[in-house]
C-alpha atoms as a PDB file:
ATOM      1  CA  MET A   1      34.344 234.584 -49.174  1.00  0.00           C
ATOM      2  CA  LYS A   2      34.075 231.057 -48.148  1.00  0.00           C
ATOM      3  CA  GLY A   3      37.788 230.494 -48.831  1.00  0.00           C
ATOM      4  CA  PHE A   4      38.655 233.578 -46.908  1.00  0.00           C
ATOM      5  CA  GLY A   5      36.679 232.387 -43.869  1.00  0.00           C
ATOM      6  CA  ILE A   6      38.486 229.039 -43.909  1.00  0.00           C
ATOM      7  CA  ARG A   7      41.886 230.744 -43.975  1.00  0.00           C
ATOM      8  CA  THR A   8      40.921 233.068 -41.184  1.00  0.00           C
ATOM      9  CA  THR A   9      39.781 230.165 -39.032  1.00  0.00           C
ATOM     10  CA  SER A  10      42.997 228.238 -39.695  1.00  0.00           C
ATOM     11  CA  PHE A  11      45.101 231.264 -38.826  1.00  0.00           C
ATOM     12  CA  LEU A  12      43.252 231.689 -35.490  1.00  0.00           C
ATOM     13  CA  ILE A  13      43.678 228.031 -34.625  1.00  0.00           C
ATOM     14  CA  LEU A  14      47.405 228.209 -35.429  1.00  0.00           C
ATOM     15  CA  SER A  15      47.854 231.401 -33.352  1.00  0.00           C
ATOM     16  CA  PHE A  16      45.998 229.925 -30.421  1.00  0.00           C
ATOM     17  CA  SER A  17      48.212 226.804 -30.560  1.00  0.00           C
ATOM     18  CA  VAL A  18      51.395 228.918 -30.569  1.00  0.00           C
ATOM     19  CA  ILE A  19      50.149 230.928 -27.610  1.00  0.00           C
ATOM     20  CA  LEU A  20      49.222 227.730 -25.734  1.00  0.00           C
ATOM     21  CA  VAL A  21      52.680 226.169 -26.287  1.00  0.00           C
ATOM     22  CA  ALA A  22      54.433 229.376 -25.191  1.00  0.00           C
ATOM     23  CA  SER A  23      52.236 229.572 -22.089  1.00  0.00           C
ATOM     24  CA  ALA A  24      53.050 225.961 -21.216  1.00  0.00           C
ATOM     25  CA  GLY A  25      56.783 226.635 -21.475  1.00  0.00           C
ATOM     26  CA  THR A  26      56.568 229.725 -19.293  1.00  0.00           C
ATOM     27  CA  LEU A  27      54.471 227.874 -16.732  1.00  0.00           C
ATOM     28  CA  ASN A  28      56.986 225.005 -16.698  1.00  0.00           C
ATOM     29  CA  SER A  29      59.872 227.372 -15.893  1.00  0.00           C
ATOM     30  CA  TYR A  30      57.841 229.098 -13.169  1.00  0.00           C
ATOM     31  CA  LEU A  31      56.828 225.791 -11.563  1.00  0.00           C
ATOM     32  CA  ASN A  32      60.405 224.506 -11.571  1.00  0.00           C
ATOM     33  CA  LYS A  33      61.510 227.625  -9.704  1.00  0.00           C
ATOM     34  CA  SER A  34      58.575 227.315  -7.298  1.00  0.00           C
ATOM     35  CA  TRP A  35      59.471 223.732  -6.483  1.00  0.00           C
ATOM     36  CA  ALA A  36      63.013 224.792  -5.667  1.00  0.00           C
ATOM     37  CA  ASP A  37      61.913 227.627  -3.356  1.00  0.00           C
ATOM     38  CA  ALA A  38      58.737 226.186  -1.842  1.00  0.00           C
ATOM     39  CA  PRO A  39      58.582 223.876   1.223  1.00  0.00           C
ATOM     40  CA  PRO A  40      58.426 220.158   0.354  1.00  0.00           C
ATOM     41  CA  ILE A  41      54.655 219.884   0.955  1.00  0.00           C
ATOM     42  CA  PHE A  42      53.805 222.744  -1.396  1.00  0.00           C
ATOM     43  CA  GLY A  43      56.304 221.404  -3.906  1.00  0.00           C
ATOM     44  CA  ASP A  44      54.272 218.183  -4.118  1.00  0.00           C
ATOM     45  CA  ILE A  45      51.043 220.172  -4.731  1.00  0.00           C
ATOM     46  CA  LEU A  46      52.591 222.242  -7.525  1.00  0.00           C
ATOM     47  CA  LYS A  47      54.161 219.160  -9.025  1.00  0.00           C
ATOM     48  CA  ASN A  48      50.769 217.395  -9.147  1.00  0.00           C
ATOM     49  CA  TYR A  49      49.150 220.510 -10.578  1.00  0.00           C
ATOM     50  CA  TYR A  50      51.774 220.768 -13.296  1.00  0.00           C
ATOM     51  CA  ILE A  51      51.381 217.083 -14.227  1.00  0.00           C
ATOM     52  CA  LYS A  52      47.654 217.563 -14.583  1.00  0.00           C
ATOM     53  CA  ILE A  53      48.147 220.615 -16.822  1.00  0.00           C
ATOM     54  CA  GLN A  54      50.597 218.653 -18.936  1.00  0.00           C
ATOM     55  CA  ASP A  55      48.066 215.876 -19.264  1.00  0.00           C
ATOM     56  CA  LYS A  56      45.392 218.368 -20.296  1.00  0.00           C
ATOM     57  CA  SER A  57      47.724 220.008 -22.783  1.00  0.00           C
ATOM     58  CA  GLU A  58      48.552 216.717 -24.379  1.00  0.00           C
ATOM     59  CA  ASN A  59      44.885 215.726 -24.531  1.00  0.00           C
ATOM     60  CA  GLY A  60      43.590 219.128 -25.576  1.00  0.00           C
ATOM     61  CA  ILE A  61      41.712 221.846 -23.755  1.00  0.00           C
ATOM     62  CA  GLY A  62      39.597 220.504 -20.959  1.00  0.00           C
ATOM     63  CA  ASN A  63      38.580 221.041 -17.366  1.00  0.00           C
ATOM     64  CA  SER A  64      40.974 222.747 -14.984  1.00  0.00           C
ATOM     65  CA  PRO A  65      42.674 220.591 -12.433  1.00  0.00           C
ATOM     66  CA  ASP A  66      40.941 220.151  -9.086  1.00  0.00           C
ATOM     67  CA  LEU A  67      42.793 222.697  -7.075  1.00  0.00           C
ATOM     68  CA  GLY A  68      40.270 222.411  -4.286  1.00  0.00           C
ATOM     69  CA  LYS A  69      41.378 218.934  -3.431  1.00  0.00           C
ATOM     70  CA  ASP A  70      45.016 219.792  -3.446  1.00  0.00           C
ATOM     71  CA  SER A  71      44.276 222.866  -1.475  1.00  0.00           C
ATOM     72  CA  GLU A  72      42.304 220.826   1.001  1.00  0.00           C
ATOM     73  CA  GLY A  73      45.136 218.357   1.289  1.00  0.00           C
ATOM     74  CA  ALA A  74      47.516 221.215   1.593  1.00  0.00           C
ATOM     75  CA  GLY A  75      45.278 222.694   4.240  1.00  0.00           C
ATOM     76  CA  GLN A  76      45.253 219.467   6.126  1.00  0.00           C
ATOM     77  CA  SER A  77      48.955 219.126   5.755  1.00  0.00           C
ATOM     78  CA  GLY A  78      49.375 222.724   6.779  1.00  0.00           C
ATOM     79  CA  SER A  79      47.075 222.090   9.710  1.00  0.00           C
ATOM     80  CA  ASN A  80      49.165 219.129  10.678  1.00  0.00           C
ATOM     81  CA  LEU A  81      52.257 221.181  10.148  1.00  0.00           C
ATOM     82  CA  THR A  82      50.780 223.971  12.268  1.00  0.00           C
ATOM     83  CA  ASP A  83      49.785 221.509  14.958  1.00  0.00           C
ATOM     84  CA  GLY A  84      53.247 220.040  14.748  1.00  0.00           C
ATOM     85  CA  ASN A  85      54.735 223.466  15.061  1.00  0.00           C
ATOM     86  CA  LEU A  86      52.447 224.217  17.978  1.00  0.00           C
ATOM     87  CA  GLY A  87      53.444 220.961  19.563  1.00  0.00           C
ATOM     88  CA  SER A  88      57.018 221.890  18.944  1.00  0.00           C
ATOM     89  CA  GLY A  89      56.292 225.211  20.613  1.00  0.00           C
ATOM     90  CA  GLU A  90      54.884 223.380  23.610  1.00  0.00           C
ATOM     91  CA  ASP A  91      57.956 221.204  23.615  1.00  0.00           C
ATOM     92  CA  SER A  92      60.030 224.354  23.382  1.00  0.00           C
ATOM     93  CA  GLU A  93      58.129 225.818  26.311  1.00  0.00           C
ATOM     94  CA  GLY A  94      58.741 222.607  28.262  1.00  0.00           C
ATOM     95  CA  ALA A  95      62.350 222.726  27.218  1.00  0.00           C
ATOM     96  CA  GLY A  96      62.442 226.331  28.314  1.00  0.00           C
ATOM     97  CA  GLN A  97      61.016 225.352  31.669  1.00  0.00           C
ATOM     98  CA  SER A  98      63.514 222.491  31.912  1.00  0.00           C
ATOM     99  CA  GLY A  99      66.232 224.888  30.890  1.00  0.00           C
ATOM    100  CA  SER A 100      65.013 227.282  33.527  1.00  0.00           C
ATOM    101  CA  ASN A 101      65.052 224.501  36.089  1.00  0.00           C
ATOM    102  CA  LEU A 102      68.463 223.389  34.878  1.00  0.00           C
ATOM    103  CA  THR A 103      69.724 226.954  35.095  1.00  0.00           C
ATOM    104  CA  ASP A 104      68.299 227.312  38.576  1.00  0.00           C
ATOM    105  CA  GLY A 105      69.893 223.995  39.504  1.00  0.00           C
ATOM    106  CA  ASN A 106      73.218 225.073  38.104  1.00  0.00           C
ATOM    107  CA  LEU A 107      72.974 228.365  39.927  1.00  0.00           C
ATOM    108  CA  GLY A 108      72.085 226.532  43.123  1.00  0.00           C
ATOM    109  CA  SER A 109      75.001 224.169  42.605  1.00  0.00           C
ATOM    110  CA  GLY A 110      77.250 227.155  41.923  1.00  0.00           C
ATOM    111  CA  GLU A 111      76.077 228.877  45.077  1.00  0.00           C
ATOM    112  CA  GLU A 112      76.711 225.693  47.083  1.00  0.00           C
ATOM    113  CA  SER A 113      80.152 225.379  45.488  1.00  0.00           C
ATOM    114  CA  VAL A 114      80.949 228.987  46.403  1.00  0.00           C
ATOM    115  CA  ASP A 115      79.639 228.418  49.928  1.00  0.00           C
ATOM    116  CA  ASN A 116      81.714 225.238  50.299  1.00  0.00           C
ATOM    117  CA  ARG A 117      84.811 226.975  48.967  1.00  0.00           C
ATOM    118  CA  THR A 118      84.233 229.926  51.278  1.00  0.00           C
ATOM    119  CA  SER A 119      83.743 227.584  54.244  1.00  0.00           C
ATOM    120  CA  THR A 120      86.917 225.653  53.371  1.00  0.00           C
ATOM    121  CA  GLU A 121      88.916 228.857  53.009  1.00  0.00           C
ATOM    122  CA  ALA A 122      87.569 230.120  56.341  1.00  0.00           C
ATOM    123  CA  THR A 123      88.490 226.817  58.027  1.00  0.00           C
ATOM    124  CA  SER A 124      91.982 226.912  56.535  1.00  0.00           C
ATOM    125  CA  GLU A 125      92.425 230.522  57.615  1.00  0.00           C
ATOM    126  CA  ASN A 126      91.272 229.714  61.152  1.00  0.00           C
ATOM    127  CA  GLN A 127      93.648 226.742  61.302  1.00  0.00           C
ATOM    128  CA  LEU A 128      96.497 228.904  60.020  1.00  0.00           C
ATOM    129  CA  ASN A 129      95.729 231.569  62.627  1.00  0.00           C
ATOM    130  CA  GLN A 130      95.653 228.930  65.360  1.00  0.00           C
ATOM    131  CA  ASN A 131      99.002 227.546  64.211  1.00  0.00           C
ATOM    132  CA  ILE A 132     100.488 231.045  64.130  1.00  0.00           C
ATOM    133  CA  ASN A 133      99.126 231.849  67.587  1.00  0.00           C
ATOM    134  CA  GLN A 134     100.398 228.536  68.926  1.00  0.00           C
ATOM    135  CA  THR A 135     103.828 229.163  67.424  1.00  0.00           C
ATOM    136  CA  ILE A 136     103.910 232.660  68.931  1.00  0.00           C
ATOM    137  CA  GLU A 137     102.845 231.306  72.324  1.00  0.00           C
ATOM    138  CA  THR A 138     105.504 228.569  72.118  1.00  0.00           C
ATOM    139  CA  GLN A 139     108.183 231.110  71.219  1.00  0.00           C
ATOM    140  CA  GLN A 140     107.065 233.412  74.011  1.00  0.00           C
ATOM    141  CA  GLN A 141     107.060 230.504  76.464  1.00  0.00           C
ATOM    142  CA  THR A 142     110.528 229.475  75.288  1.00  0.00           C
ATOM    143  CA  GLN A 143     111.782 233.044  75.683  1.00  0.00           C
ATOM    144  CA  ASN A 144     110.194 233.250  79.113  1.00  0.00           C
ATOM    145  CA  ASN A 145     111.805 229.966  80.114  1.00  0.00           C
ATOM    146  CA  GLN A 146     115.156 231.161  78.808  1.00  0.00           C
ATOM    147  CA  THR A 147     114.775 234.406  80.730  1.00  0.00           C
ATOM    148  CA  VAL A 148     113.871 232.514  83.889  1.00  0.00           C
ATOM    149  CA  ASN A 149     116.812 230.139  83.393  1.00  0.00           C
ATOM    150  CA  ILE A 150     119.182 233.058  82.903  1.00  0.00           C
ATOM    151  CA  GLN A 151     117.869 234.748  86.015  1.00  0.00           C
ATOM    152  CA  ASN A 152     118.138 231.513  87.965  1.00  0.00           C
ATOM    153  CA  ASN A 153     121.696 230.966  86.741  1.00  0.00           C
ATOM    154  CA  VAL A 154     122.671 234.510  87.687  1.00  0.00           C
ATOM    155  CA  GLU A 155     121.161 234.107  91.137  1.00  0.00           C
ATOM    156  CA  MET A 156     122.819 230.713  91.564  1.00  0.00           C
ATOM    157  CA  LYS A 157     126.215 232.095  90.543  1.00  0.00           C
ATOM    158  CA  GLN A 158     125.808 234.882  93.037  1.00  0.00           C
ATOM    159  CA  ARG A 159     125.029 232.370  95.784  1.00  0.00           C
ATOM    160  CA  LEU A 160     127.894 230.104  94.761  1.00  0.00           C
ATOM    161  CA  GLU A 161     130.307 233.012  94.630  1.00  0.00           C
ATOM    162  CA  ILE A 162     129.354 233.986  98.154  1.00  0.00           C
ATOM    163  CA  ALA A 163     129.645 230.398  99.357  1.00  0.00           C
ATOM    164  CA  ILE A 164     132.941 229.687  97.617  1.00  0.00           C
ATOM    165  CA  SER A 165     134.596 232.944  98.718  1.00  0.00           C
ATOM    166  CA  GLU A 166     134.517 232.057 102.460  1.00  0.00           C
ATOM    167  CA  GLU A 167     134.200 235.729 103.325  1.00  0.00           C
ATOM    168  CA  GLU A 168     136.027 236.917 106.414  1.00  0.00           C
ATOM    169  CA  GLY A 169     133.870 237.321 109.469  1.00  0.00           C
ATOM    170  CA  GLU A 170     131.398 234.598 108.425  1.00  0.00           C
ATOM    171  CA  ALA A 171     130.329 232.876 111.620  1.00  0.00           C
ATOM    172  CA  PRO A 172     130.695 229.091 111.799  1.00  0.00           C
ATOM    173  CA  ILE A 173     127.708 226.940 112.567  1.00  0.00           C
ATOM    174  CA  SER A 174     126.964 226.404 116.238  1.00  0.00           C
ATOM    175  CA  ILE A 175     128.728 223.773 118.334  1.00  0.00           C
ATOM    176  CA  GLU A 176     125.459 221.961 118.794  1.00  0.00           C
ATOM    177  CA  GLU A 177     125.002 221.860 114.992  1.00  0.00           C
ATOM    178  CA  GLN A 178     128.554 220.663 114.512  1.00  0.00           C
ATOM    179  CA  ASN A 179     127.978 217.868 117.009  1.00  0.00           C
ATOM    180  CA  ARG A 180     124.760 216.820 115.299  1.00  0.00           C
ATOM    181  CA  ILE A 181     126.492 216.650 111.926  1.00  0.00           C
ATOM    182  CA  GLU A 182     129.397 214.713 113.431  1.00  0.00           C
ATOM    183  CA  SER A 183     126.950 212.147 114.792  1.00  0.00           C
ATOM    184  CA  ILE A 184     125.475 211.723 111.310  1.00  0.00           C
ATOM    185  CA  ASP A 185     128.972 211.461 109.822  1.00  0.00           C
ATOM    186  CA  ARG A 186     129.827 208.526 112.125  1.00  0.00           C
ATOM    187  CA  ASP A 187     126.906 206.597 110.703  1.00  0.00           C
ATOM    188  CA  ILE A 188     127.983 207.450 107.153  1.00  0.00           C
ATOM    189  CA  VAL A 189     131.532 206.223 107.759  1.00  0.00           C
ATOM    190  CA  THR A 190     130.231 202.777 108.771  1.00  0.00           C
ATOM    191  CA  GLN A 191     128.235 202.530 105.546  1.00  0.00           C
ATOM    192  CA  HIS A 192     131.013 203.420 103.080  1.00  0.00           C
ATOM    193  CA  GLN A 193     134.421 201.830 102.729  1.00  0.00           C
ATOM    194  CA  ALA A 194     137.459 203.789 101.530  1.00  0.00           C
ATOM    195  CA  LEU A 195     138.953 203.086  98.122  1.00  0.00           C
ATOM    196  CA  THR A 196     142.388 201.538  97.702  1.00  0.00           C
ATOM    197  CA  GLY A 197     144.741 201.419  94.759  1.00  0.00           C
ATOM    198  CA  PRO A 198     147.168 203.527  92.719  1.00  0.00           C
ATOM    199  CA  ASP A 199     144.831 206.555  92.657  1.00  0.00           C
ATOM    200  CA  CYS A 200     144.832 206.756  96.475  1.00  0.00           C
ATOM    201  CA  ARG A 201     147.416 208.407  98.722  1.00  0.00           C
ATOM    202  CA  THR A 202     149.142 206.883 101.707  1.00  0.00           C
ATOM    203  CA  GLY A 203     150.309 208.704 104.786  1.00  0.00           C
ATOM    204  CA  ASN A 204     148.805 211.973 105.899  1.00  0.00           C
ATOM    205  CA  VAL A 205     145.991 212.574 103.424  1.00  0.00           C
ATOM    206  CA  LEU A 206     145.472 216.140 104.719  1.00  0.00           C
ATOM    207  CA  ALA A 207     149.023 217.224 103.873  1.00  0.00           C
ATOM    208  CA  GLY A 208     149.031 220.597 102.122  1.00  0.00           C
ATOM    209  CA  ALA A 209     145.591 221.689 103.415  1.00  0.00           C
ATOM    210  CA  SER A 210     145.856 225.147 105.017  1.00  0.00           C
ATOM    211  CA  ASN A 211     142.868 224.456 107.314  1.00  0.00           C
ATOM    212  CA  ALA A 212     143.601 220.837 108.182  1.00  0.00           C
ATOM    213  CA  GLU A 213     142.431 221.401 111.778  1.00  0.00           C
ATOM    214  CA  ASP A 214     138.921 222.233 110.473  1.00  0.00           C
ATOM    215  CA  LEU A 215     138.624 219.024 108.433  1.00  0.00           C
ATOM    216  CA  ARG A 216     137.210 215.722 109.715  1.00  0.00           C
ATOM    217  CA  VAL A 217     138.150 212.762 107.532  1.00  0.00           C
ATOM    218  CA  LEU A 218     135.273 210.494 106.531  1.00  0.00           C
ATOM    219  CA  THR A 219     137.270 208.234 104.169  1.00  0.00           C
ATOM    220  CA  GLU A 220     140.920 208.623 103.218  1.00  0.00           C
ATOM    221  CA  CYS A 221     140.317 207.918  99.525  1.00  0.00           C
ATOM    222  CA  GLN A 222     137.165 208.626  97.605  1.00  0.00           C
ATOM    223  CA  ASP A 223     136.378 209.287  93.943  1.00  0.00           C
ATOM    224  CA  ALA A 224     133.489 211.112  92.244  1.00  0.00           C
ATOM    225  CA  THR A 225     132.317 212.090  88.771  1.00  0.00           C
ATOM    226  CA  GLY A 226     130.223 215.037  87.689  1.00  0.00           C
ATOM    227  CA  THR A 227     130.071 218.459  86.035  1.00  0.00           C
ATOM    228  CA  VAL A 228     132.036 221.506  87.184  1.00  0.00           C
ATOM    229  CA  MET A 229     129.632 224.330  88.155  1.00  0.00           C
ATOM    230  CA  HIS A 230     131.768 227.176  89.545  1.00  0.00           C
ATOM    231  CA  THR A 231     135.510 227.727  89.995  1.00  0.00           C
ATOM    232  CA  LYS A 232     137.729 230.144  91.889  1.00  0.00           C
ATOM    233  CA  LYS A 233     141.380 230.513  92.797  1.00  0.00           C
ATOM    234  CA  MET A 234     141.411 231.225  96.521  1.00  0.00           C
ATOM    235  CA  ASP A 235     143.652 233.647  98.442  1.00  0.00           C
ATOM    236  CA  ASP A 236     145.440 230.728 100.174  1.00  0.00           C
ATOM    237  CA  GLY A 237     146.357 229.299  96.768  1.00  0.00           C
ATOM    238  CA  ASP A 238     143.735 226.550  96.670  1.00  0.00           C
ATOM    239  CA  TYR A 239     141.910 225.962  93.362  1.00  0.00           C
ATOM    240  CA  LYS A 240     138.316 225.466  94.433  1.00  0.00           C
ATOM    241  CA  PHE A 241     135.238 224.394  92.488  1.00  0.00           C
ATOM    242  CA  PHE A 242     131.759 223.011  92.987  1.00  0.00           C
ATOM    243  CA  LEU A 243     130.944 219.617  91.458  1.00  0.00           C
ATOM    244  CA  ASN A 244     127.430 218.566  90.433  1.00  0.00           C
ATOM    245  CA  VAL A 245     127.992 214.876  91.135  1.00  0.00           C
ATOM    246  CA  ASP A 246     126.371 212.091  89.155  1.00  0.00           C
ATOM    247  CA  GLU A 247     123.508 210.181  90.715  1.00  0.00           C
ATOM    248  CA  GLN A 248     125.630 207.305  92.094  1.00  0.00           C
ATOM    249  CA  PHE A 249     127.686 209.827  94.106  1.00  0.00           C
ATOM    250  CA  LYS A 250     124.812 211.804  95.631  1.00  0.00           C
ATOM    251  CA  PHE A 251     125.606 210.198  99.019  1.00  0.00           C
ATOM    252  CA  LEU A 252     128.751 212.353  99.172  1.00  0.00           C
ATOM    253  CA  VAL A 253     126.745 215.553  99.887  1.00  0.00           C
ATOM    254  CA  ASN A 254     124.780 216.332 103.048  1.00  0.00           C
ATOM    255  CA  GLU A 255     122.069 218.731 104.152  1.00  0.00           C
ATOM    256  CA  LYS A 256     124.523 221.628 104.507  1.00  0.00           C
ATOM    257  CA  ASN A 257     125.604 221.179 100.902  1.00  0.00           C
ATOM    258  CA  ASN A 258     121.938 221.319  99.912  1.00  0.00           C
ATOM    259  CA  GLU A 259     121.438 224.418 102.040  1.00  0.00           C
ATOM    260  CA  LYS A 260     124.568 226.445 101.176  1.00  0.00           C
ATOM    261  CA  THR A 261     126.037 225.157  97.897  1.00  0.00           C
ATOM    262  CA  ASP A 262     122.853 224.204  95.971  1.00  0.00           C
ATOM    263  CA  GLY A 263     123.589 220.531  96.604  1.00  0.00           C
ATOM    264  CA  PHE A 264     127.044 220.621  94.952  1.00  0.00           C
ATOM    265  CA  LEU A 265     130.113 218.885  96.377  1.00  0.00           C
ATOM    266  CA  VAL A 266     133.013 221.213  97.304  1.00  0.00           C
ATOM    267  CA  VAL A 267     136.346 220.210  95.708  1.00  0.00           C
ATOM    268  CA  GLU A 268     139.716 221.840  96.530  1.00  0.00           C
ATOM    269  CA  ILE A 269     143.129 221.295  94.939  1.00  0.00           C
ATOM    270  CA  VAL A 270     145.922 222.466  97.253  1.00  0.00           C
ATOM    271  CA  PRO A 271     148.967 224.245  95.773  1.00  0.00           C
ATOM    272  CA  PRO A 272     151.440 221.301  96.129  1.00  0.00           C
ATOM    273  CA  ASP A 273     149.162 219.117  93.956  1.00  0.00           C
ATOM    274  CA  GLN A 274     148.386 221.706  91.274  1.00  0.00           C
ATOM    275  CA  GLY A 275     151.625 221.003  89.417  1.00  0.00           C
ATOM    276  CA  ASN A 276     151.185 217.228  89.303  1.00  0.00           C
ATOM    277  CA  GLY A 277     150.789 215.582  85.923  1.00  0.00           C
ATOM    278  CA  GLY A 278     147.554 213.843  86.936  1.00  0.00           C
ATOM    279  CA  VAL A 279     145.833 217.039  88.020  1.00  0.00           C
ATOM    280  CA  ILE A 280     144.062 219.506  85.698  1.00  0.00           C
ATOM    281  CA  LEU A 281     142.482 222.763  86.781  1.00  0.00           C
ATOM    282  CA  PRO A 282     139.022 222.390  85.195  1.00  0.00           C
ATOM    283  CA  LYS A 283     136.776 225.167  84.013  1.00  0.00           C
ATOM    284  CA  GLU A 284     133.040 225.545  84.415  1.00  0.00           C
ATOM    285  CA  GLY A 285     131.068 223.000  82.383  1.00  0.00           C
ATOM    286  CA  ASP A 286     133.822 220.358  82.255  1.00  0.00           C
ATOM    287  CA  ARG A 287     133.041 216.738  82.959  1.00  0.00           C
ATOM    288  CA  VAL A 288     135.652 215.426  85.397  1.00  0.00           C
ATOM    289  CA  HIS A 289     136.640 212.439  87.527  1.00  0.00           C
ATOM    290  CA  VAL A 290     138.307 213.324  90.822  1.00  0.00           C
ATOM    291  CA  TRP A 291     140.099 211.456  93.662  1.00  0.00           C
ATOM    292  CA  GLY A 292     140.946 212.723  97.148  1.00  0.00           C
ATOM    293  CA  ALA A 293     140.071 212.673 100.823  1.00  0.00           C
ATOM    294  CA  TRP A 294     136.356 212.838 101.648  1.00  0.00           C
ATOM    295  CA  VAL A 295     135.989 215.213 104.611  1.00  0.00           C
ATOM    296  CA  THR A 296     133.611 217.442 106.545  1.00  0.00           C
ATOM    297  CA  ASP A 297     134.422 221.141 106.891  1.00  0.00           C
ATOM    298  CA  LYS A 298     133.405 221.418 110.558  1.00  0.00           C
ATOM    299  CA  PRO A 299     132.824 225.221 110.784  1.00  0.00           C
ATOM    300  CA  LYS A 300     130.582 225.124 107.687  1.00  0.00           C
ATOM    301  CA  GLY A 301     129.116 221.668 108.146  1.00  0.00           C
ATOM    302  CA  TRP A 302     129.273 220.651 104.436  1.00  0.00           C
ATOM    303  CA  HIS A 303     131.188 217.801 102.805  1.00  0.00           C
ATOM    304  CA  GLU A 304     134.241 218.202 100.548  1.00  0.00           C
ATOM    305  CA  ILE A 305     136.907 216.252  98.701  1.00  0.00           C
ATOM    306  CA  HIS A 306     139.905 218.072 100.109  1.00  0.00           C
ATOM    307  CA  PRO A 307     142.729 217.735  99.343  1.00  0.00           C
ATOM    308  CA  THR A 308     142.078 216.497  95.794  1.00  0.00           C
ATOM    309  CA  TRP A 309     145.182 214.916  94.300  1.00  0.00           C
ATOM    310  CA  LYS A 310     143.876 213.626  90.954  1.00  0.00           C
ATOM    311  CA  VAL A 311     141.542 215.368  88.453  1.00  0.00           C
ATOM    312  CA  VAL A 312     141.040 214.185  84.864  1.00  0.00           C
ATOM    313  CA  ASN A 313     138.583 215.068  82.125  1.00  0.00           C
ATOM    314  CA  GLU A 314     135.976 212.449  81.274  1.00  0.00           C
END
């Protein structure tokens, strides 16, 4: 019996040892997995706990490790962690507020940008409308001016046609008016000297004029330059035109020219001179240089170059 009791005791000790070793192996595997999955702070606690168990296993069965301390430390760490997380939450709230302020600022900046862009577009549109309106007004003014010029030209041509035609039955100016103009002509003659040279004619300078008795000679040879305004071949064969003289020849016209021929000088080429090589029959708009006798048409009172024996284009 005594031998049997010893064997039984040995068998129990051996079984308990096997169970203890197996439990230690299982616990080791579980702790390794826990360290991998657990946060770093809890990993340290488990690691310390496992080391203590190992120490106890190597030294035999003893007191359990002081989990209270580790738990307390873990609690403190957790508390710190919680406080840290709370602090982080406060920071997050502050960040949220900053983000809210930033968002509001960005929205405000966006609204200002939209307002500025809208204002710029409105200014550009207004400027464009002003330019368009100004262009339209300029075009309308130009068209109006052109219309007025056309009307004025038509009216002037009508007046010139009447003046140049010397319609039958037109009454001459009064004798008193003729005498007044003659008095003025005498003063003019003393102020201007006749030309001489190859472009002048000797002898009777009124030869070929059909109305020589109506002409009073101011100078026997005079030249002039200007622009042809109106032309007409007369019934007596004369080629007649009005000349808008250049500024240096304005003295050749008088008040009756201003009154009846719009200030233009009357020029007439008699038939005998129309075939000469130095005489062209100009058309309206031509620039010409003319030579002839400077005279007063007494019944009309205006000044002429008549006859005109040389006409060339300028």
